[in-house]
Amino acid sequence: MSRSTRKLPRAFVRTAAVIALSTGVAVPVVVTAPAAYAAVSSVTTTVDGKLAVGLPSNAIWVKASVLASTQPDAAVLLEDEQLTGDGQGTWTTDRALRLPEGTAFGSYPVRVDYRLPGGTLQQQTIGTFAYLKRAKVATVAFDRTSTDIDNLTTVLSGTATTFDPSTGITGPSPEGAEVQVQVKVEREWPVAYRTLTAAATVDAQGKFSVPVTPEGRITGGLAFLKPGAADTAVLPGINLPWVSAEKAQVRIQAVNDKRRVHKGQPFTVKGRIEKLTDEGWKPYADAPVLSSMTPPIYYDAHLKTPLGSGKSAADGTFSYTAKATVSGTVYTHAKPSVYLPETADSSPIAVPERLTLGSPAYSIDAFGMVTASARVYGVDCDGELVAFQYSPDGRTWYNMTGVRAGSYSANECRVSLQREGYIRGYYRFYHAESDRFVAAAAAPKFVSRYLTRFVGHRYSTSRPKINGSMTVSGTVQRQVNGKWIAHPGAKVMILVKPKGQDQWYWSVKGKTNSKGVYSLKAPVYSDGTWAAVTEPMNGYFYSETKDTYIDAR
């Protein structure tokens, strides 16, 4: 069979076997391929020091030559016809190339000779071969298959090696070479990922180690050498193994020594924390415990400002001071961690808001009715109960009644009431401390009037004539410092209710003299019921006489 009609396999063809020319057959002339028609697309150096040529997979012969320089007459340092095609357009030498002894490390031009089916021998000078040492992280392993609350850290150990193509020997990487580690960590819920970075230094045996505290499940990563000497190429990193994160089971009991505190006032949190072991529930010693106003959610732990925190003792008990600024629920729990369940003990805490009572107004009328009002300033004060109090001396206070505050505007409410009061004394609005608001009192005010009374009230006749008149006289007194004295200038009104009617009418008005005496002449028109009253005067209570029926004739 002639060479021109010989059937050849396309994939994985050893080019040297194809080009074994018979004796006496002339070798075709080698033609340098014009750039526009060049079949070689690339020349690269693989990570393990082999030469890779980008050439159509149906090539029937390929030879790669490493040249000493780019000069036209440059010496050939190495020729290799042992290239294997992968069927995808890449032909690779069978092993790492080893240049002649004494050849300096560096990059050297590459010439490719090839032949395609139906074509002539072609030649291209393209790309370079990187004749360098090749360093890599060869092995990695963690000292644990899982981390937990008692073993937060795992140690990554490994080895780094360097291949020297001039000797063909692989040995430890140089002491001091730096290894970079990227550890991928996954948080269980909500699912989130982050990457931890660390660095280690290779020792004289090519070994390195680095501690890793993942706070989650390790889901791989990379370890790789940092670029170092110019004569050494660094290979891609090696994948890290996975390390699981195991949750512990804990339980906690806690109590606050106060149920209500003022803003910033300290209170004490006490309790006990335990952990489930192979031997059952045992004290969880040296556990970081904290109290907060939100449940123990691991992923927002960095957003929390604890009310207080501490560590448990050997018996699992803990006690620490905490401070709250708002009312709510206090959650006491172990410091949030991926290794702990979101378990907490909770109890309410009340932090009363500020409340003020302002613009109070108090008065008492002639009939002893007290009218009072005030403004209430506080957030959401609508409906808050405010007490109305009385004190005879301004020191000891007695609740008279309570009134609900009514909303007036933003952060302002108002209270008002009318209530039968006392002859004299102090009045005020007062808000006792509650879970919502602190104690507050309005400014008190002394309110009083003088008691008055009629003495010796009489009518000049018991049978006056119709259309006649009668004299009504008597004395009005006032009480001062517990004694009854004359009330000069008191306004007196004589009233009559005609027989058979329910309506009272005034008959005559007048004032008392300097001795508190009055004497008034009242016309008589019919039978009726008569009485005398004091007219309202500032500072004096109202008084009246008993009713007297007079039969006119």
Protein backbone atom coordinates (compact mmCIF):
# COMPACT_ATOMS: atom_id res chain seq x y z
CA MET A 1 0.00 0.00 0.00
CA SER A 2 1.39 3.45 -0.90
CA ARG A 3 1.70 6.18 1.71
CA SER A 4 -0.76 8.40 -0.16
CA THR A 5 -3.63 5.89 0.26
CA ARG A 6 -2.77 4.51 3.72
CA LYS A 7 -5.64 4.63 6.26
CA LEU A 8 -4.60 6.19 9.60
CA PRO A 9 -6.53 6.68 12.91
CA ARG A 10 -7.17 10.33 13.75
CA ALA A 11 -7.22 10.27 17.53
CA PHE A 12 -4.24 9.58 19.78
CA VAL A 13 -1.80 9.03 16.92
CA ARG A 14 1.86 8.86 17.74
CA THR A 15 3.28 11.16 15.12
CA ALA A 16 6.68 9.54 15.17
CA ALA A 17 5.18 6.27 13.94
CA VAL A 18 3.44 8.02 11.09
CA ILE A 19 6.48 9.79 9.75
CA ALA A 20 8.82 6.81 9.64
CA LEU A 21 9.88 7.31 6.00
CA SER A 22 11.03 4.33 4.02
CA THR A 23 14.54 4.17 2.80
CA GLY A 24 14.87 5.73 -0.58
CA VAL A 25 11.76 7.91 -0.27
CA ALA A 26 12.51 11.57 -0.62
CA VAL A 27 11.54 13.81 2.35
CA PRO A 28 9.18 16.59 1.30
CA VAL A 29 10.42 20.10 1.48
CA VAL A 30 9.47 21.94 4.73
CA VAL A 31 7.47 25.06 4.03
CA THR A 32 7.03 27.90 6.54
CA ALA A 33 3.29 28.47 6.80
CA PRO A 34 2.09 32.02 6.11
CA ALA A 35 0.50 33.57 9.16
CA ALA A 36 -2.88 33.73 7.45
CA TYR A 37 -2.87 29.95 6.91
CA ALA A 38 -1.01 28.83 10.03
CA ALA A 39 -2.64 25.79 11.61
CA VAL A 40 -0.92 26.03 15.01
CA SER A 41 -3.14 28.18 17.18
CA SER A 42 -1.15 28.17 20.41
CA VAL A 43 1.81 26.84 22.34
CA THR A 44 1.53 26.66 26.12
CA THR A 45 3.24 25.08 29.07
CA THR A 46 1.09 22.85 31.25
CA VAL A 47 1.12 23.09 35.01
CA ASP A 48 3.23 19.94 35.19
CA GLY A 49 5.91 21.21 32.76
CA LYS A 50 4.73 19.58 29.53
CA LEU A 51 4.42 21.35 26.21
CA ALA A 52 0.95 21.67 24.68
CA VAL A 53 0.37 22.59 21.01
CA GLY A 54 -2.94 23.77 19.64
CA LEU A 55 -3.26 21.96 16.31
CA PRO A 56 -6.14 20.28 14.44
CA SER A 57 -6.76 16.78 15.76
CA ASN A 58 -6.36 15.24 12.28
CA ALA A 59 -2.68 16.20 12.05
CA ILE A 60 -0.64 13.19 10.93
CA TRP A 61 2.70 14.34 12.26
CA VAL A 62 3.85 16.88 14.86
CA LYS A 63 7.27 17.80 16.18
CA ALA A 64 8.02 20.47 18.78
CA SER A 65 11.44 22.06 19.07
CA VAL A 66 12.61 24.30 21.88
CA LEU A 67 15.01 26.94 20.57
CA ALA A 68 17.78 28.71 22.41
CA SER A 69 16.64 32.11 21.19
CA THR A 70 14.56 33.88 18.58
CA GLN A 71 17.56 34.29 16.24
CA PRO A 72 17.17 32.61 12.81
CA ASP A 73 20.16 30.36 13.43
CA ALA A 74 19.29 29.62 17.08
CA ALA A 75 20.34 26.24 18.37
CA VAL A 76 17.72 23.61 19.04
CA LEU A 77 17.80 22.74 22.73
CA LEU A 78 15.28 19.93 22.50
CA GLU A 79 13.14 18.16 19.91
CA ASP A 80 10.16 16.02 20.83
CA GLU A 81 7.98 14.05 18.47
CA GLN A 82 6.23 12.16 21.28
CA LEU A 83 3.07 14.28 21.31
CA THR A 84 -0.36 12.77 21.87
CA GLY A 85 -3.56 14.34 20.58
CA ASP A 86 -6.65 14.49 22.78
CA GLY A 87 -9.04 14.54 19.84
CA GLN A 88 -10.04 18.11 20.75
CA GLY A 89 -7.24 19.99 19.00
CA THR A 90 -4.47 19.82 21.63
CA TRP A 91 -1.27 17.83 21.30
CA THR A 92 0.79 17.34 24.47
CA THR A 93 4.23 15.89 25.16
CA ASP A 94 4.22 12.67 27.14
CA ARG A 95 6.32 14.06 29.96
CA ALA A 96 7.80 17.23 31.34
CA LEU A 97 10.54 18.56 29.09
CA ARG A 98 14.05 18.49 30.42
CA LEU A 99 16.42 20.80 28.61
CA PRO A 100 20.15 20.12 28.36
CA GLU A 101 22.16 20.33 31.53
CA GLY A 102 23.20 23.86 32.38
CA THR A 103 20.27 25.48 30.58
CA ALA A 104 19.08 28.44 32.57
CA PHE A 105 15.52 28.58 33.77
CA GLY A 106 13.36 30.92 31.71
CA SER A 107 11.12 31.12 28.65
CA TYR A 108 12.30 29.75 25.28
CA PRO A 109 10.81 30.06 21.77
CA VAL A 110 9.08 27.01 20.29
CA ARG A 111 9.04 25.87 16.69
CA VAL A 112 6.39 23.42 15.54
CA ASP A 113 6.74 21.18 12.48
CA TYR A 114 3.58 19.43 11.36
CA ARG A 115 1.75 17.90 8.48
CA LEU A 116 -1.97 17.84 7.86
CA PRO A 117 -3.75 15.35 5.60
CA GLY A 118 -3.21 16.17 1.93
CA GLY A 119 -0.75 18.91 2.75
CA THR A 120 2.96 19.52 2.79
CA LEU A 121 5.19 19.72 5.81
CA GLN A 122 4.66 23.06 7.56
CA GLN A 123 6.68 24.93 10.13
CA GLN A 124 5.67 27.67 12.62
CA THR A 125 7.61 29.44 15.32
CA ILE A 126 5.01 30.37 17.91
CA GLY A 127 4.79 30.86 21.66
CA THR A 128 7.31 29.95 24.33
CA PHE A 129 8.07 27.09 26.66
CA ALA A 130 8.34 28.05 30.33
CA TYR A 131 11.30 26.10 31.61
CA LEU A 132 10.76 26.64 35.34
CA LYS A 133 10.60 24.83 38.63
CA ARG A 134 7.01 23.95 39.55
CA ALA A 135 5.82 24.38 43.13
CA LYS A 136 2.50 23.37 44.62
CA VAL A 137 0.65 22.47 47.78
CA ALA A 138 0.67 18.70 47.48
CA THR A 139 -1.39 17.51 50.44
CA VAL A 140 -3.82 19.02 52.97
CA ALA A 141 -5.82 17.59 55.87
CA PHE A 142 -7.72 18.89 58.91
CA ASP A 143 -7.04 17.32 62.29
CA ARG A 144 -10.80 17.06 62.94
CA THR A 145 -13.77 15.90 60.93
CA SER A 146 -16.06 18.27 62.85
CA THR A 147 -15.98 21.28 65.16
CA ASP A 148 -18.25 21.89 68.15
CA ILE A 149 -18.76 24.25 71.08
CA ASP A 150 -15.88 22.63 72.99
CA ASN A 151 -13.60 22.37 69.96
CA LEU A 152 -14.02 25.57 68.02
CA THR A 153 -10.70 25.34 66.18
CA THR A 154 -9.34 22.78 63.76
CA VAL A 155 -5.77 22.71 62.42
CA LEU A 156 -5.10 22.46 58.71
CA SER A 157 -1.80 20.71 57.94
CA GLY A 158 -0.18 20.04 54.62
CA THR A 159 2.94 19.72 52.52
CA ALA A 160 4.34 21.82 49.71
CA THR A 161 6.60 20.37 47.00
CA THR A 162 8.72 21.74 44.18
CA PHE A 163 9.54 19.86 40.95
CA ASP A 164 12.89 20.68 39.35
CA PRO A 165 12.75 19.83 35.60
CA SER A 166 16.53 20.05 35.33
CA THR A 167 16.88 17.04 37.62
CA GLY A 168 13.45 15.47 37.35
CA ILE A 169 13.25 15.40 41.15
CA THR A 170 10.30 16.52 43.30
CA GLY A 171 11.22 17.62 46.82
CA PRO A 172 10.03 19.86 49.64
CA SER A 173 9.41 23.48 48.75
CA PRO A 174 11.99 25.90 50.13
CA GLU A 175 11.74 26.78 53.78
CA GLY A 176 9.91 30.06 54.26
CA ALA A 177 7.63 29.67 51.24
CA GLU A 178 4.24 31.22 52.06
CA VAL A 179 1.01 29.26 51.77
CA GLN A 180 -2.28 31.07 51.36
CA VAL A 181 -5.41 29.36 52.67
CA GLN A 182 -8.99 30.22 51.70
CA VAL A 183 -11.59 28.37 53.75
CA LYS A 184 -15.22 28.35 52.64
CA VAL A 185 -17.66 28.39 55.57
CA GLU A 186 -21.40 27.79 55.39
CA ARG A 187 -23.87 28.89 58.03
CA GLU A 188 -26.86 26.61 58.43
CA TRP A 189 -29.73 29.11 58.82
CA PRO A 190 -30.29 31.37 57.17
CA VAL A 191 -27.96 29.90 54.58
CA ALA A 192 -24.99 32.20 54.13
CA TYR A 193 -21.43 31.79 52.96
CA ARG A 194 -18.18 33.48 53.80
CA THR A 195 -14.51 32.87 53.15
CA LEU A 196 -11.85 32.90 55.82
CA THR A 197 -8.28 33.63 54.81
CA ALA A 198 -5.10 32.61 56.57
CA ALA A 199 -1.40 32.27 55.84
CA ALA A 200 1.23 29.71 56.84
CA THR A 201 4.95 29.30 56.29
CA VAL A 202 6.59 26.15 54.97
CA ASP A 203 9.24 24.60 57.25
CA ALA A 204 12.46 22.83 56.25
CA GLN A 205 10.57 19.58 55.58
CA GLY A 206 8.04 21.31 53.32
CA LYS A 207 5.31 21.10 55.95
CA PHE A 208 2.94 23.80 57.15
CA SER A 209 -0.01 24.14 59.50
CA VAL A 210 -2.55 26.83 60.32
CA PRO A 211 -5.39 26.96 62.90
CA VAL A 212 -8.88 27.66 61.55
CA THR A 213 -11.87 28.74 63.66
CA PRO A 214 -14.73 28.49 61.18
CA GLU A 215 -17.85 29.19 63.27
CA GLY A 216 -19.74 27.07 60.80
CA ARG A 217 -19.40 24.12 58.46
CA ILE A 218 -16.28 24.09 56.27
CA THR A 219 -17.37 23.35 52.71
CA GLY A 220 -14.02 23.27 51.01
CA GLY A 221 -11.67 25.99 49.90
CA LEU A 222 -8.16 26.23 48.50
CA ALA A 223 -4.58 26.13 49.72
CA PHE A 224 -1.93 27.46 47.36
CA LEU A 225 1.60 28.79 47.37
CA LYS A 226 2.22 32.46 46.87
CA PRO A 227 4.49 33.32 43.93
CA GLY A 228 8.08 33.49 45.06
CA ALA A 229 11.34 33.10 43.10
CA ALA A 230 11.38 34.09 39.44
CA ASP A 231 12.59 30.61 38.42
CA THR A 232 9.58 28.91 40.00
CA ALA A 233 6.05 28.66 38.67
CA VAL A 234 3.27 28.19 41.23
CA LEU A 235 0.65 25.62 40.36
CA PRO A 236 -3.06 26.03 41.12
CA GLY A 237 -4.23 25.39 44.64
CA ILE A 238 -5.46 22.17 46.15
CA ASN A 239 -9.05 21.73 47.35
CA LEU A 240 -9.67 21.55 51.08
CA PRO A 241 -11.76 18.79 52.67
CA TRP A 242 -15.09 19.43 54.39
CA VAL A 243 -15.46 19.73 58.17
CA SER A 244 -18.92 19.56 59.75
CA ALA A 245 -20.23 21.72 62.62
CA GLU A 246 -21.96 19.83 65.43
CA LYS A 247 -24.63 21.50 67.57
CA ALA A 248 -24.70 20.95 71.32
CA GLN A 249 -27.87 20.72 73.39
CA VAL A 250 -28.17 23.19 76.23
CA ARG A 251 -30.85 24.32 78.64
CA ILE A 252 -30.98 27.44 80.75
CA GLN A 253 -33.00 28.90 83.61
CA ALA A 254 -32.79 32.58 84.50
CA VAL A 255 -34.60 35.13 86.63
CA ASN A 256 -34.36 38.92 87.07
CA ASP A 257 -34.29 40.25 90.62
CA LYS A 258 -36.55 43.17 89.58
CA ARG A 259 -39.63 43.27 87.40
CA ARG A 260 -39.62 47.05 86.96
CA VAL A 261 -36.63 49.38 86.78
CA HIS A 262 -35.99 52.94 85.75
CA LYS A 263 -34.07 53.57 82.57
CA GLY A 264 -30.41 52.78 83.17
CA GLN A 265 -31.05 51.39 86.65
CA PRO A 266 -29.18 48.11 87.14
CA PHE A 267 -30.84 44.83 87.93
CA THR A 268 -29.35 41.38 88.47
CA VAL A 269 -29.82 38.34 86.25
CA LYS A 270 -29.23 34.99 87.92
CA GLY A 271 -29.57 31.46 86.67
CA ARG A 272 -28.01 28.18 85.66
CA ILE A 273 -27.01 26.70 82.32
CA GLU A 274 -26.46 23.02 81.51
CA LYS A 275 -25.22 20.99 78.55
CA LEU A 276 -26.22 17.50 77.46
CA THR A 277 -23.29 15.06 77.52
CA ASP A 278 -22.91 11.33 77.11
CA GLU A 279 -23.49 11.14 80.85
CA GLY A 280 -26.66 13.26 80.79
CA TRP A 281 -27.20 16.91 81.67
CA LYS A 282 -24.13 18.47 83.26
CA PRO A 283 -23.23 22.02 84.34
CA TYR A 284 -22.01 24.07 81.40
CA ALA A 285 -18.97 25.75 82.90
CA ASP A 286 -17.37 28.91 81.54
CA ALA A 287 -20.27 29.47 79.15
CA PRO A 288 -20.65 33.05 77.90
CA VAL A 289 -24.17 34.09 78.88
CA LEU A 290 -25.92 37.33 77.96
CA SER A 291 -29.30 39.00 78.20
CA SER A 292 -30.88 40.94 75.36
CA MET A 293 -34.23 42.25 74.22
CA THR A 294 -34.37 39.90 71.23
CA PRO A 295 -34.29 36.12 70.93
CA PRO A 296 -30.89 34.43 70.41
CA ILE A 297 -30.63 34.44 66.63
CA TYR A 298 -27.09 33.62 65.56
CA TYR A 299 -26.94 35.59 62.35
CA ASP A 300 -27.83 38.94 63.93
CA ALA A 301 -25.60 38.53 66.97
CA HIS A 302 -23.35 41.32 65.78
CA LEU A 303 -26.32 43.72 65.79
CA LYS A 304 -27.19 43.18 69.43
CA THR A 305 -26.23 45.35 72.34
CA PRO A 306 -26.55 43.07 75.38
CA LEU A 307 -28.27 44.36 78.48
CA GLY A 308 -25.59 42.51 80.43
CA SER A 309 -23.36 39.47 80.18
CA GLY A 310 -21.19 37.14 82.20
CA LYS A 311 -19.73 33.65 82.36
CA SER A 312 -21.02 30.63 84.16
CA ALA A 313 -19.16 29.13 87.10
CA ALA A 314 -18.01 25.54 87.41
CA ASP A 315 -21.46 24.52 88.63
CA GLY A 316 -23.18 26.24 85.69
CA THR A 317 -24.56 29.12 87.74
CA PHE A 318 -24.21 32.72 86.64
CA SER A 319 -25.01 36.17 87.99
CA TYR A 320 -24.38 39.53 86.40
CA THR A 321 -25.68 43.08 86.29
CA ALA A 322 -27.84 44.25 83.40
CA LYS A 323 -29.44 47.54 82.38
CA ALA A 324 -32.53 48.09 80.26
CA THR A 325 -33.68 51.24 78.49
CA VAL A 326 -37.08 50.12 77.20
CA SER A 327 -39.83 47.79 78.35
CA GLY A 328 -40.03 44.36 76.80
CA THR A 329 -38.94 40.78 77.22
CA VAL A 330 -35.50 39.92 78.53
CA TYR A 331 -34.07 36.85 76.82
CA THR A 332 -31.22 35.20 78.69
CA HIS A 333 -29.18 32.70 76.73
CA ALA A 334 -25.74 31.49 75.84
CA LYS A 335 -23.88 33.78 73.48
CA PRO A 336 -25.32 33.03 70.00
CA SER A 337 -23.24 30.49 68.13
CA VAL A 338 -23.59 28.15 65.20
CA TYR A 339 -22.81 25.38 67.69
CA LEU A 340 -25.71 26.14 70.04
CA PRO A 341 -29.48 25.93 69.64
CA GLU A 342 -31.49 29.11 69.94
CA THR A 343 -32.55 28.31 73.51
CA ALA A 344 -33.38 31.05 76.00
CA ASP A 345 -35.29 31.71 79.18
CA SER A 346 -37.39 34.86 79.13
CA SER A 347 -39.04 37.20 81.58
CA PRO A 348 -40.67 40.62 81.24
CA ILE A 349 -39.03 43.84 82.30
CA ALA A 350 -40.83 47.16 82.63
CA VAL A 351 -38.98 50.42 82.11
CA PRO A 352 -41.45 53.26 82.75
CA GLU A 353 -41.32 56.19 80.39
CA ARG A 354 -41.08 59.79 81.55
CA LEU A 355 -44.39 61.52 82.35
CA THR A 356 -45.03 65.10 83.47
CA LEU A 357 -48.13 66.86 84.74
CA GLY A 358 -48.23 70.53 83.92
CA SER A 359 -50.45 73.64 83.88
CA PRO A 360 -52.64 72.55 86.80
CA ALA A 361 -55.71 74.63 87.68
CA TYR A 362 -57.87 74.18 90.81
CA SER A 363 -60.86 76.08 92.16
CA ILE A 364 -63.73 75.55 94.59
CA ASP A 365 -67.11 77.23 94.21
CA ALA A 366 -69.54 78.51 96.83
CA PHE A 367 -71.22 75.13 97.01
CA GLY A 368 -67.99 73.21 97.73
CA MET A 369 -67.53 71.77 94.23
CA VAL A 370 -63.86 71.54 93.19
CA THR A 371 -63.03 72.00 89.51
CA ALA A 372 -59.55 70.84 88.44
CA SER A 373 -57.60 70.32 85.22
CA ALA A 374 -54.05 69.62 84.07
CA ARG A 375 -51.99 68.66 81.06
CA VAL A 376 -50.33 65.26 80.80
CA TYR A 377 -47.16 64.97 78.73
CA GLY A 378 -46.01 61.48 77.75
CA VAL A 379 -45.79 59.09 74.82
CA ASP A 380 -49.09 57.24 74.30
CA CYS A 381 -50.59 58.79 77.44
CA ASP A 382 -54.18 58.40 76.22
CA GLY A 383 -56.21 56.43 78.74
CA GLU A 384 -53.62 56.60 81.50
CA LEU A 385 -55.13 56.74 84.97
CA VAL A 386 -54.29 59.88 86.97
CA ALA A 387 -55.28 60.28 90.62
CA PHE A 388 -56.82 63.45 92.12
CA GLN A 389 -55.59 63.93 95.67
CA TYR A 390 -56.32 66.04 98.74
CA SER A 391 -54.06 66.93 101.65
CA PRO A 392 -54.99 68.95 104.73
CA ASP A 393 -51.36 69.94 105.30
CA GLY A 394 -49.57 69.49 101.97
CA ARG A 395 -47.64 66.50 103.28
CA THR A 396 -50.03 63.60 103.68
CA TRP A 397 -52.09 62.93 100.58
CA TYR A 398 -55.34 61.06 100.15
CA ASN A 399 -56.81 59.84 96.88
CA MET A 400 -60.19 61.41 96.16
CA THR A 401 -60.81 59.88 92.74
CA GLY A 402 -59.12 58.86 89.50
CA VAL A 403 -59.56 60.15 85.99
CA ARG A 404 -58.43 58.81 82.61
CA ALA A 405 -56.27 61.06 80.48
CA GLY A 406 -57.74 61.98 77.14
CA SER A 407 -55.64 62.49 74.03
CA TYR A 408 -55.19 66.12 73.02
CA SER A 409 -52.26 66.18 70.60
CA ALA A 410 -49.05 64.30 69.89
CA ASN A 411 -47.58 63.22 73.23
CA GLU A 412 -50.03 65.42 75.14
CA CYS A 413 -53.18 64.45 76.99
CA ARG A 414 -55.48 66.34 79.36
CA VAL A 415 -57.41 65.58 82.51
CA SER A 416 -60.29 67.49 84.09
CA LEU A 417 -62.92 66.80 86.73
CA GLN A 418 -65.41 68.20 89.21
CA ARG A 419 -65.62 66.75 92.66
CA GLU A 420 -67.10 67.78 95.97
CA GLY A 421 -64.21 69.10 97.99
CA TYR A 422 -63.20 70.18 101.45
CA ILE A 423 -63.46 73.50 103.25
CA ARG A 424 -59.77 74.12 102.94
CA GLY A 425 -56.69 72.13 101.92
CA TYR A 426 -54.29 71.26 99.14
CA TYR A 427 -55.22 69.57 95.85
CA ARG A 428 -53.09 68.01 93.16
CA PHE A 429 -53.05 65.52 90.29
CA TYR A 430 -50.74 62.58 90.84
CA HIS A 431 -49.64 59.63 88.70
CA ALA A 432 -48.34 56.67 90.64
CA GLU A 433 -45.51 54.79 89.00
CA SER A 434 -46.71 52.04 86.65
CA ASP A 435 -45.14 49.75 84.10
CA ARG A 436 -45.80 52.42 81.49
CA PHE A 437 -44.81 55.65 83.24
CA VAL A 438 -42.79 56.89 86.17
CA ALA A 439 -44.40 58.66 89.11
CA ALA A 440 -45.30 62.29 88.50
CA ALA A 441 -47.14 64.98 90.43
CA ALA A 442 -48.57 68.30 89.36
CA ALA A 443 -47.83 71.35 91.47
CA PRO A 444 -50.27 71.41 94.42
CA LYS A 445 -52.46 74.40 95.28
CA PHE A 446 -54.09 75.48 98.54
CA VAL A 447 -57.79 76.10 97.98
CA SER A 448 -60.26 77.34 100.61
CA ARG A 449 -63.38 79.39 101.36
CA TYR A 450 -64.91 80.67 104.59
CA LEU A 451 -67.88 78.86 106.00
CA THR A 452 -70.91 81.08 106.57
CA ARG A 453 -74.12 80.68 108.58
CA PHE A 454 -77.33 82.43 109.52
CA VAL A 455 -77.94 83.18 113.18
CA GLY A 456 -81.22 84.49 114.70
CA HIS A 457 -83.09 84.52 111.43
CA ARG A 458 -86.73 85.59 112.08
CA TYR A 459 -89.84 87.10 110.57
CA SER A 460 -91.60 90.08 112.21
CA THR A 461 -94.97 88.35 112.04
CA SER A 462 -96.30 84.90 111.46
CA ARG A 463 -99.59 86.18 109.94
CA PRO A 464 -98.80 89.05 107.61
CA LYS A 465 -101.50 90.68 105.59
CA ILE A 466 -101.82 89.85 101.91
CA ASN A 467 -100.40 92.72 99.87
CA GLY A 468 -98.80 93.89 103.07
CA SER A 469 -95.18 93.41 104.19
CA MET A 470 -93.04 91.95 106.95
CA THR A 471 -89.54 92.43 108.22
CA VAL A 472 -87.00 89.66 107.83
CA SER A 473 -83.91 90.00 110.02
CA GLY A 474 -80.97 88.12 111.45
CA THR A 475 -77.20 87.86 111.46
CA VAL A 476 -74.71 86.31 109.02
CA GLN A 477 -71.48 84.95 110.45
CA ARG A 478 -68.28 83.57 108.97
CA GLN A 479 -65.83 81.10 110.45
CA VAL A 480 -62.26 82.34 110.84
CA ASN A 481 -59.61 80.19 112.50
CA GLY A 482 -62.31 78.01 113.97
CA LYS A 483 -64.32 80.88 115.45
CA TRP A 484 -67.61 82.36 114.25
CA ILE A 485 -67.52 86.10 113.82
CA ALA A 486 -69.72 88.68 112.14
CA HIS A 487 -69.74 88.73 108.37
CA PRO A 488 -70.19 92.38 107.37
CA GLY A 489 -71.16 93.08 103.78
CA ALA A 490 -72.63 89.64 103.22
CA LYS A 491 -75.17 89.58 100.41
CA VAL A 492 -78.51 88.26 101.61
CA MET A 493 -81.44 87.27 99.45
CA ILE A 494 -84.96 86.55 100.79
CA LEU A 495 -86.74 83.83 98.80
CA VAL A 496 -90.39 82.82 98.69
CA LYS A 497 -92.18 79.87 97.13
CA PRO A 498 -95.89 80.67 96.76
CA LYS A 499 -98.34 78.07 98.00
CA GLY A 500 -99.08 75.46 95.36
CA GLN A 501 -95.93 76.18 93.31
CA ASP A 502 -92.54 74.55 93.04
CA GLN A 503 -90.65 77.61 91.87
CA TRP A 504 -88.74 79.88 94.24
CA TYR A 505 -88.70 83.66 93.71
CA TRP A 506 -86.53 86.25 95.31
CA SER A 507 -88.46 88.80 97.28
CA VAL A 508 -85.85 91.24 98.51
CA LYS A 509 -82.04 91.59 98.55
CA GLY A 510 -79.66 93.39 100.86
CA LYS A 511 -76.35 93.39 102.70
CA THR A 512 -75.34 92.93 106.32
CA ASN A 513 -74.06 95.87 108.29
CA SER A 514 -70.72 96.07 110.05
CA LYS A 515 -72.01 93.70 112.71
CA GLY A 516 -73.24 91.21 110.18
CA VAL A 517 -76.87 92.11 110.82
CA TYR A 518 -79.47 92.34 108.10
CA SER A 519 -83.05 93.67 108.28
CA LEU A 520 -85.09 93.60 105.11
CA LYS A 521 -88.72 94.53 104.42
CA ALA A 522 -90.35 91.88 102.24
CA PRO A 523 -93.72 92.29 100.48
CA VAL A 524 -96.31 89.57 101.03
CA TYR A 525 -98.71 88.53 98.26
CA SER A 526 -99.92 85.13 99.37
CA ASP A 527 -99.31 82.19 101.59
CA GLY A 528 -95.95 80.62 100.95
CA THR A 529 -92.68 79.15 102.13
CA TRP A 530 -89.90 81.58 103.00
CA ALA A 531 -86.12 81.28 103.38
CA ALA A 532 -82.94 83.37 103.31
CA VAL A 533 -79.73 82.56 101.39
CA THR A 534 -76.35 84.17 100.86
CA GLU A 535 -75.53 85.26 97.37
CA PRO A 536 -72.18 84.00 95.92
CA MET A 537 -69.17 86.00 97.10
CA ASN A 538 -65.51 85.26 96.37
CA GLY A 539 -63.92 83.35 99.22
CA TYR A 540 -67.17 82.36 100.95
CA PHE A 541 -69.32 79.27 100.94
CA TYR A 542 -73.03 79.45 100.38
CA SER A 543 -75.41 79.15 103.31
CA GLU A 544 -79.18 79.23 103.79
CA THR A 545 -81.80 79.17 106.48
CA LYS A 546 -84.39 76.49 107.03
CA ASP A 547 -87.69 76.88 105.23
CA THR A 548 -90.56 78.58 107.10
CA TYR A 549 -94.19 78.42 105.97
CA ILE A 550 -96.14 81.62 106.57
CA ASP A 551 -99.93 81.78 106.33
CA ALA A 552 -100.92 85.28 105.11
CA ARG A 553 -104.33 86.69 105.98
